[in-house]
N, C-alpha and C. Protein backbone atom coordinates (compact mmCIF):
# COMPACT_ATOMS: atom_id res chain seq x y z
N UNK A 1 279.15 185.12 47.50
CA UNK A 1 278.11 184.11 47.60
C UNK A 1 276.93 184.68 48.39
N UNK A 2 275.82 184.16 48.08
CA UNK A 2 274.66 184.60 48.82
C UNK A 2 274.37 183.66 50.00
N UNK A 3 273.48 184.05 50.85
CA UNK A 3 273.18 183.31 52.08
C UNK A 3 272.58 181.94 51.76
N UNK A 4 271.77 181.85 50.74
CA UNK A 4 271.15 180.57 50.38
C UNK A 4 272.21 179.55 49.97
N UNK A 5 273.19 179.96 49.20
CA UNK A 5 274.25 179.04 48.76
C UNK A 5 275.09 178.60 49.96
N UNK A 6 275.38 179.51 50.87
CA UNK A 6 276.15 179.16 52.06
C UNK A 6 275.38 178.17 52.93
N UNK A 7 274.09 178.37 53.03
CA UNK A 7 273.26 177.47 53.82
C UNK A 7 273.24 176.07 53.23
N UNK A 8 273.15 175.99 51.91
CA UNK A 8 273.15 174.69 51.23
C UNK A 8 274.49 174.00 51.43
N UNK A 9 275.59 174.75 51.28
CA UNK A 9 276.92 174.15 51.48
C UNK A 9 277.08 173.66 52.92
N UNK A 10 276.62 174.44 53.88
CA UNK A 10 276.72 174.04 55.29
C UNK A 10 275.95 172.75 55.53
N UNK A 11 274.76 172.65 54.99
CA UNK A 11 273.95 171.45 55.17
C UNK A 11 274.58 170.23 54.49
N UNK A 12 275.19 170.42 53.32
CA UNK A 12 275.84 169.31 52.63
C UNK A 12 277.05 168.81 53.42
N UNK A 13 277.83 169.72 53.97
CA UNK A 13 278.99 169.33 54.77
C UNK A 13 278.54 168.59 56.02
N UNK A 14 277.49 169.09 56.65
CA UNK A 14 276.97 168.45 57.86
C UNK A 14 276.44 167.05 57.53
N UNK A 15 275.77 166.90 56.41
CA UNK A 15 275.26 165.59 56.00
C UNK A 15 276.41 164.62 55.76
N UNK A 16 277.47 165.07 55.08
CA UNK A 16 278.63 164.20 54.84
C UNK A 16 279.26 163.76 56.16
N UNK A 17 279.35 164.67 57.12
CA UNK A 17 279.91 164.31 58.42
C UNK A 17 279.03 163.29 59.13
N UNK A 18 277.72 163.50 59.08
CA UNK A 18 276.80 162.57 59.74
C UNK A 18 276.85 161.19 59.11
N UNK A 19 276.93 161.13 57.80
CA UNK A 19 277.02 159.84 57.12
C UNK A 19 278.34 159.16 57.46
N UNK A 20 279.42 159.92 57.48
CA UNK A 20 280.72 159.36 57.84
C UNK A 20 280.71 158.78 59.25
N UNK A 21 280.11 159.49 60.19
CA UNK A 21 280.02 158.99 61.56
C UNK A 21 279.16 157.73 61.64
N UNK A 22 278.06 157.70 60.89
CA UNK A 22 277.19 156.52 60.92
C UNK A 22 277.91 155.30 60.36
N UNK A 23 278.67 155.48 59.30
CA UNK A 23 279.43 154.37 58.72
C UNK A 23 280.50 153.89 59.69
N UNK A 24 281.18 154.82 60.35
CA UNK A 24 282.21 154.46 61.32
C UNK A 24 281.62 153.70 62.50
N UNK A 25 280.46 154.14 62.99
CA UNK A 25 279.80 153.44 64.10
C UNK A 25 279.43 152.02 63.69
N UNK A 26 278.94 151.85 62.47
CA UNK A 26 278.57 150.52 61.98
C UNK A 26 279.81 149.63 61.87
N UNK A 27 280.90 150.17 61.35
CA UNK A 27 282.14 149.40 61.23
C UNK A 27 282.66 149.00 62.60
N UNK A 28 282.59 149.91 63.56
CA UNK A 28 283.06 149.59 64.91
C UNK A 28 282.17 148.53 65.56
N UNK A 29 280.88 148.60 65.31
CA UNK A 29 279.96 147.60 65.84
C UNK A 29 280.25 146.23 65.25
N UNK A 30 280.48 146.18 63.95
CA UNK A 30 280.81 144.92 63.29
C UNK A 30 282.12 144.35 63.82
N UNK A 31 283.11 145.20 64.02
CA UNK A 31 284.40 144.74 64.55
C UNK A 31 284.23 144.19 65.96
N UNK A 32 283.42 144.85 66.76
CA UNK A 32 283.19 144.38 68.13
C UNK A 32 282.48 143.03 68.12
N UNK A 33 281.49 142.87 67.25
CA UNK A 33 280.79 141.59 67.15
C UNK A 33 281.73 140.48 66.70
N UNK A 34 282.58 140.78 65.72
CA UNK A 34 283.53 139.78 65.23
C UNK A 34 284.52 139.38 66.31
N UNK A 35 284.98 140.35 67.08
CA UNK A 35 285.93 140.02 68.14
C UNK A 35 285.26 139.19 69.23
N UNK A 36 284.00 139.44 69.49
CA UNK A 36 283.27 138.64 70.47
C UNK A 36 283.16 137.20 70.01
N UNK A 37 282.87 137.01 68.73
CA UNK A 37 282.73 135.66 68.18
C UNK A 37 284.08 134.94 68.23
N UNK A 38 285.15 135.63 67.88
CA UNK A 38 286.48 135.01 67.92
C UNK A 38 286.84 134.63 69.35
N UNK A 39 286.55 135.50 70.31
CA UNK A 39 286.83 135.18 71.70
C UNK A 39 286.04 133.96 72.17
N UNK A 40 284.79 133.85 71.75
CA UNK A 40 283.98 132.68 72.11
C UNK A 40 284.57 131.41 71.51
N UNK A 41 285.04 131.50 70.26
CA UNK A 41 285.65 130.32 69.63
C UNK A 41 286.92 129.93 70.35
N UNK A 42 287.74 130.90 70.73
CA UNK A 42 288.97 130.61 71.45
C UNK A 42 288.69 130.01 72.82
N UNK A 43 287.64 130.48 73.48
CA UNK A 43 287.26 129.91 74.78
C UNK A 43 286.86 128.45 74.63
N UNK A 44 286.11 128.13 73.57
CA UNK A 44 285.70 126.74 73.33
C UNK A 44 286.90 125.85 73.07
N UNK A 45 287.87 126.37 72.32
CA UNK A 45 289.08 125.60 72.06
C UNK A 45 289.84 125.36 73.36
N UNK A 46 289.93 126.39 74.19
CA UNK A 46 290.65 126.27 75.45
C UNK A 46 289.95 125.27 76.39
N UNK A 47 288.62 125.20 76.31
CA UNK A 47 287.87 124.26 77.15
C UNK A 47 287.92 122.84 76.60
N UNK A 48 288.37 122.68 75.39
CA UNK A 48 288.46 121.36 74.79
C UNK A 48 287.18 120.88 74.16
N UNK A 49 286.25 121.79 73.88
CA UNK A 49 284.97 121.41 73.27
C UNK A 49 285.07 121.24 71.76
N UNK A 50 286.17 121.70 71.18
CA UNK A 50 286.35 121.61 69.73
C UNK A 50 287.36 120.52 69.44
N UNK A 51 287.00 119.62 68.53
CA UNK A 51 287.93 118.55 68.18
C UNK A 51 289.00 119.10 67.25
N UNK A 52 290.22 118.78 67.55
CA UNK A 52 291.33 119.21 66.71
C UNK A 52 291.87 118.02 65.94
N UNK A 53 292.82 118.24 65.07
CA UNK A 53 293.40 117.16 64.28
C UNK A 53 294.06 116.13 65.18
N UNK A 54 294.60 116.54 66.32
CA UNK A 54 295.23 115.60 67.23
C UNK A 54 294.20 114.59 67.74
N UNK A 55 292.95 115.00 67.87
CA UNK A 55 291.89 114.10 68.32
C UNK A 55 291.34 113.25 67.18
N UNK A 56 291.63 113.62 65.94
CA UNK A 56 291.13 112.91 64.76
C UNK A 56 292.31 112.53 63.86
N UNK A 57 293.11 111.54 64.24
CA UNK A 57 294.32 111.24 63.46
C UNK A 57 294.02 110.68 62.06
N UNK A 58 292.84 110.11 61.84
CA UNK A 58 292.52 109.54 60.53
C UNK A 58 292.13 110.61 59.51
N UNK A 59 291.83 111.81 59.96
CA UNK A 59 291.40 112.88 59.05
C UNK A 59 292.61 113.44 58.30
N UNK A 60 292.49 113.58 57.00
CA UNK A 60 293.53 114.20 56.20
C UNK A 60 294.66 113.28 55.81
N UNK A 61 294.56 112.01 56.12
CA UNK A 61 295.65 111.12 55.78
C UNK A 61 295.52 110.60 54.34
N UNK A 62 294.34 110.68 53.75
CA UNK A 62 294.12 110.22 52.37
C UNK A 62 293.68 111.40 51.52
N UNK A 63 294.26 111.47 50.31
CA UNK A 63 293.90 112.52 49.38
C UNK A 63 293.49 111.88 48.07
N UNK A 64 292.30 112.19 47.57
CA UNK A 64 291.85 111.67 46.30
C UNK A 64 292.27 112.64 45.20
N UNK A 65 293.04 112.15 44.22
CA UNK A 65 293.50 112.99 43.12
C UNK A 65 293.05 112.35 41.83
N UNK A 66 292.42 113.14 40.97
CA UNK A 66 291.96 112.63 39.68
C UNK A 66 292.35 113.62 38.60
N UNK A 67 293.00 113.11 37.53
CA UNK A 67 293.44 113.98 36.46
C UNK A 67 292.65 113.70 35.22
């Protein structure tokens, strides 16, 4: 192989690695954001700010079925 072909291959491999790292960083950022949101929701439930079915006994007792 000549030097030009080796240089092109090296640059392509480096680009693939950089893209892979960028995608991984984005996925990790999304996972961190999702876990933060879930933790906030769990904190609200623990504080009692979210109404549960126990607080709403009339919800879900009637089902409308039409055939």
